Amino acid sequence: MEVKTYRVKGRMLLSHDKFPEWRSFNIEVRAVKEEDAVSRVYSELGSRHKLKRYHIKIESVEEVPPESIRTPQLAQLASLEGWDKP
């Protein structure tokens, strides 16, 4: 099982009760499958911004090669791949 880095782009509805505003997001996550990456994004945005899944619209999911990762922590994790446990 290989863990890959995915870039998930979409929009989320903030302040859905008073002054609704759609705001775009661009998040990189590590996951085994594309479906797991989408689920992780739903979980993180829901937790951070108190959003329901229907307030989050995923527009695209793409696998990111290790040299194109923007998040420093994820780039460091990607460079450690291939290490065996002792």
N, C-alpha and C. Protein backbone atom coordinates (compact mmCIF):
# COMPACT_ATOMS: atom_id res chain seq x y z
N MET A 1 0.84 -1.18 0.00
CA MET A 1 0.00 0.00 0.00
C MET A 1 0.89 1.25 0.00
N GLU A 2 0.71 2.06 -0.99
CA GLU A 2 1.52 3.26 -1.13
C GLU A 2 0.71 4.50 -0.77
N VAL A 3 1.26 5.34 0.09
CA VAL A 3 0.61 6.59 0.48
C VAL A 3 1.03 7.68 -0.50
N LYS A 4 0.05 8.37 -1.05
CA LYS A 4 0.30 9.42 -2.04
C LYS A 4 -0.18 10.76 -1.50
N THR A 5 0.25 11.82 -2.15
CA THR A 5 -0.20 13.16 -1.79
C THR A 5 -1.19 13.63 -2.84
N TYR A 6 -2.32 14.16 -2.38
CA TYR A 6 -3.38 14.65 -3.26
C TYR A 6 -3.63 16.13 -2.99
N ARG A 7 -3.93 16.87 -4.05
CA ARG A 7 -4.34 18.27 -3.92
C ARG A 7 -5.84 18.32 -4.22
N VAL A 8 -6.61 18.77 -3.23
CA VAL A 8 -8.07 18.83 -3.35
C VAL A 8 -8.47 20.29 -3.43
N LYS A 9 -9.22 20.64 -4.48
CA LYS A 9 -9.68 22.01 -4.68
C LYS A 9 -11.20 22.01 -4.63
N GLY A 10 -11.75 23.11 -4.12
CA GLY A 10 -13.19 23.22 -4.05
C GLY A 10 -13.63 24.53 -3.42
N ARG A 11 -14.90 24.54 -2.99
CA ARG A 11 -15.48 25.72 -2.35
C ARG A 11 -16.22 25.28 -1.09
N MET A 12 -16.27 26.19 -0.12
CA MET A 12 -17.01 25.92 1.12
C MET A 12 -17.87 27.12 1.46
N LEU A 13 -19.02 26.85 2.05
CA LEU A 13 -19.96 27.91 2.42
C LEU A 13 -19.71 28.31 3.86
N LEU A 14 -19.18 29.52 4.05
CA LEU A 14 -18.93 30.04 5.39
C LEU A 14 -20.06 30.96 5.81
N SER A 15 -20.33 31.02 7.09
CA SER A 15 -21.40 31.85 7.65
C SER A 15 -22.71 31.58 6.93
N HIS A 16 -23.08 30.31 6.85
CA HIS A 16 -24.25 29.93 6.08
C HIS A 16 -25.57 30.44 6.65
N ASP A 17 -25.57 30.92 7.90
CA ASP A 17 -26.82 31.37 8.49
C ASP A 17 -27.05 32.88 8.35
N LYS A 18 -26.03 33.71 8.54
CA LYS A 18 -26.23 35.16 8.51
C LYS A 18 -25.87 35.77 7.17
N PHE A 19 -24.60 35.76 6.83
CA PHE A 19 -24.12 36.34 5.58
C PHE A 19 -23.36 35.26 4.81
N PRO A 20 -24.06 34.44 4.06
CA PRO A 20 -23.40 33.33 3.38
C PRO A 20 -22.35 33.79 2.37
N GLU A 21 -21.23 33.09 2.36
CA GLU A 21 -20.14 33.44 1.45
C GLU A 21 -19.44 32.15 1.03
N TRP A 22 -19.35 31.92 -0.27
CA TRP A 22 -18.61 30.78 -0.79
C TRP A 22 -17.15 31.17 -0.89
N ARG A 23 -16.28 30.39 -0.28
CA ARG A 23 -14.85 30.66 -0.30
C ARG A 23 -14.13 29.44 -0.86
N SER A 24 -13.17 29.68 -1.73
CA SER A 24 -12.45 28.56 -2.34
C SER A 24 -11.34 28.08 -1.40
N PHE A 25 -10.97 26.81 -1.56
CA PHE A 25 -9.87 26.23 -0.79
C PHE A 25 -9.03 25.34 -1.69
N ASN A 26 -7.81 25.11 -1.26
CA ASN A 26 -6.84 24.30 -1.97
C ASN A 26 -6.01 23.60 -0.89
N ILE A 27 -6.28 22.32 -0.66
CA ILE A 27 -5.67 21.60 0.46
C ILE A 27 -4.90 20.39 -0.06
N GLU A 28 -3.71 20.17 0.49
CA GLU A 28 -2.94 18.97 0.17
C GLU A 28 -3.05 18.01 1.35
N VAL A 29 -3.36 16.76 1.05
CA VAL A 29 -3.46 15.72 2.08
C VAL A 29 -2.78 14.45 1.58
N ARG A 30 -2.37 13.61 2.53
CA ARG A 30 -1.77 12.32 2.19
C ARG A 30 -2.80 11.24 2.45
N ALA A 31 -2.94 10.34 1.47
CA ALA A 31 -3.92 9.26 1.59
C ALA A 31 -3.52 8.12 0.66
N VAL A 32 -4.12 6.97 0.88
CA VAL A 32 -3.85 5.81 0.04
C VAL A 32 -4.65 5.89 -1.26
N LYS A 33 -5.93 6.29 -1.16
CA LYS A 33 -6.81 6.38 -2.33
C LYS A 33 -7.39 7.79 -2.42
N GLU A 34 -7.87 8.12 -3.61
CA GLU A 34 -8.49 9.42 -3.84
C GLU A 34 -9.71 9.63 -2.95
N GLU A 35 -10.50 8.57 -2.75
CA GLU A 35 -11.69 8.66 -1.91
C GLU A 35 -11.32 8.97 -0.45
N ASP A 36 -10.20 8.42 0.01
CA ASP A 36 -9.74 8.68 1.37
C ASP A 36 -9.31 10.14 1.52
N ALA A 37 -8.71 10.71 0.48
CA ALA A 37 -8.29 12.11 0.52
C ALA A 37 -9.51 13.03 0.61
N VAL A 38 -10.55 12.73 -0.15
CA VAL A 38 -11.77 13.54 -0.12
C VAL A 38 -12.42 13.45 1.26
N SER A 39 -12.47 12.26 1.81
CA SER A 39 -13.06 12.08 3.14
C SER A 39 -12.27 12.86 4.19
N ARG A 40 -10.95 12.86 4.06
CA ARG A 40 -10.10 13.60 5.01
C ARG A 40 -10.35 15.10 4.93
N VAL A 41 -10.54 15.62 3.71
CA VAL A 41 -10.81 17.05 3.52
C VAL A 41 -12.15 17.41 4.15
N TYR A 42 -13.18 16.58 3.91
CA TYR A 42 -14.48 16.82 4.55
C TYR A 42 -14.32 16.87 6.07
N SER A 43 -13.56 15.95 6.61
CA SER A 43 -13.37 15.87 8.06
C SER A 43 -12.64 17.09 8.60
N GLU A 44 -11.54 17.48 7.94
CA GLU A 44 -10.75 18.61 8.42
C GLU A 44 -11.51 19.93 8.33
N LEU A 45 -12.18 20.18 7.19
CA LEU A 45 -12.92 21.44 7.05
C LEU A 45 -14.13 21.48 7.97
N GLY A 46 -14.78 20.35 8.13
CA GLY A 46 -15.91 20.29 9.05
C GLY A 46 -15.49 20.56 10.48
N SER A 47 -14.34 20.05 10.85
CA SER A 47 -13.83 20.24 12.20
C SER A 47 -13.37 21.68 12.43
N ARG A 48 -12.63 22.22 11.48
CA ARG A 48 -12.09 23.58 11.64
C ARG A 48 -13.15 24.67 11.57
N HIS A 49 -14.10 24.52 10.64
CA HIS A 49 -15.06 25.59 10.37
C HIS A 49 -16.49 25.25 10.76
N LYS A 50 -16.69 24.11 11.41
CA LYS A 50 -18.03 23.68 11.85
C LYS A 50 -19.00 23.60 10.67
N LEU A 51 -18.56 22.95 9.59
CA LEU A 51 -19.37 22.83 8.38
C LEU A 51 -19.92 21.42 8.24
N LYS A 52 -21.07 21.31 7.65
CA LYS A 52 -21.62 20.02 7.26
C LYS A 52 -21.04 19.67 5.89
N ARG A 53 -21.09 18.40 5.54
CA ARG A 53 -20.53 17.97 4.26
C ARG A 53 -21.23 18.63 3.08
N TYR A 54 -22.53 18.94 3.19
CA TYR A 54 -23.22 19.57 2.07
C TYR A 54 -22.88 21.05 1.91
N HIS A 55 -22.09 21.62 2.85
CA HIS A 55 -21.60 22.99 2.71
C HIS A 55 -20.23 23.02 2.04
N ILE A 56 -19.71 21.85 1.66
CA ILE A 56 -18.40 21.73 1.03
C ILE A 56 -18.59 21.12 -0.35
N LYS A 57 -18.10 21.80 -1.38
CA LYS A 57 -18.20 21.32 -2.76
C LYS A 57 -16.79 21.03 -3.28
N ILE A 58 -16.49 19.76 -3.55
CA ILE A 58 -15.20 19.37 -4.09
C ILE A 58 -15.25 19.53 -5.61
N GLU A 59 -14.31 20.28 -6.18
CA GLU A 59 -14.29 20.52 -7.62
C GLU A 59 -13.28 19.64 -8.34
N SER A 60 -12.12 19.37 -7.71
CA SER A 60 -11.13 18.51 -8.35
C SER A 60 -10.22 17.87 -7.31
N VAL A 61 -9.74 16.69 -7.67
CA VAL A 61 -8.77 15.96 -6.85
C VAL A 61 -7.69 15.46 -7.79
N GLU A 62 -6.44 15.81 -7.49
CA GLU A 62 -5.34 15.36 -8.36
C GLU A 62 -4.17 14.87 -7.52
N GLU A 63 -3.52 13.85 -8.03
CA GLU A 63 -2.33 13.33 -7.35
C GLU A 63 -1.17 14.28 -7.64
N VAL A 64 -0.37 14.57 -6.62
CA VAL A 64 0.71 15.54 -6.75
C VAL A 64 2.05 14.79 -6.69
N PRO A 65 2.93 15.00 -7.67
CA PRO A 65 4.25 14.39 -7.60
C PRO A 65 5.05 15.00 -6.44
N PRO A 66 5.96 14.24 -5.86
CA PRO A 66 6.71 14.73 -4.67
C PRO A 66 7.42 16.07 -4.88
N GLU A 67 7.88 16.35 -6.09
CA GLU A 67 8.61 17.62 -6.31
C GLU A 67 7.67 18.82 -6.43
N SER A 68 6.36 18.59 -6.53
CA SER A 68 5.40 19.70 -6.67
C SER A 68 4.60 19.97 -5.40
N ILE A 69 4.93 19.32 -4.31
CA ILE A 69 4.20 19.51 -3.06
C ILE A 69 4.53 20.87 -2.48
N ARG A 70 3.50 21.64 -2.11
CA ARG A 70 3.69 23.00 -1.59
C ARG A 70 3.83 23.05 -0.07
N THR A 71 3.19 22.13 0.64
CA THR A 71 3.22 22.12 2.10
C THR A 71 4.54 21.52 2.58
N PRO A 72 5.35 22.27 3.33
CA PRO A 72 6.67 21.77 3.74
C PRO A 72 6.63 20.46 4.53
N GLN A 73 5.65 20.31 5.43
CA GLN A 73 5.58 19.09 6.23
C GLN A 73 5.28 17.88 5.35
N LEU A 74 4.39 18.03 4.38
CA LEU A 74 4.06 16.92 3.48
C LEU A 74 5.22 16.61 2.55
N ALA A 75 5.95 17.63 2.12
CA ALA A 75 7.12 17.41 1.26
C ALA A 75 8.18 16.61 2.01
N GLN A 76 8.36 16.92 3.28
CA GLN A 76 9.32 16.19 4.10
C GLN A 76 8.88 14.73 4.29
N LEU A 77 7.60 14.52 4.53
CA LEU A 77 7.09 13.15 4.66
C LEU A 77 7.25 12.37 3.36
N ALA A 78 7.01 13.01 2.23
CA ALA A 78 7.13 12.34 0.94
C ALA A 78 8.58 11.93 0.67
N SER A 79 9.51 12.73 1.15
CA SER A 79 10.93 12.40 0.92
C SER A 79 11.38 11.23 1.81
N LEU A 80 10.64 10.94 2.87
CA LEU A 80 10.99 9.83 3.76
C LEU A 80 10.41 8.50 3.30
N GLU A 81 9.60 8.51 2.26
CA GLU A 81 8.98 7.27 1.80
C GLU A 81 10.05 6.27 1.40
N GLY A 82 9.72 5.01 1.63
CA GLY A 82 10.65 3.95 1.26
C GLY A 82 11.50 3.47 2.41
N TRP A 83 11.43 4.13 3.54
CA TRP A 83 12.17 3.70 4.70
C TRP A 83 11.49 2.48 5.29
N ASP A 84 12.27 1.50 5.65
CA ASP A 84 11.72 0.31 6.28
C ASP A 84 11.79 0.44 7.78
N LYS A 85 10.80 -0.16 8.44
CA LYS A 85 10.81 -0.16 9.91
C LYS A 85 11.84 -1.16 10.38
N PRO A 86 12.55 -0.85 11.47
CA PRO A 86 13.56 -1.80 11.99
C PRO A 86 12.93 -3.03 12.57
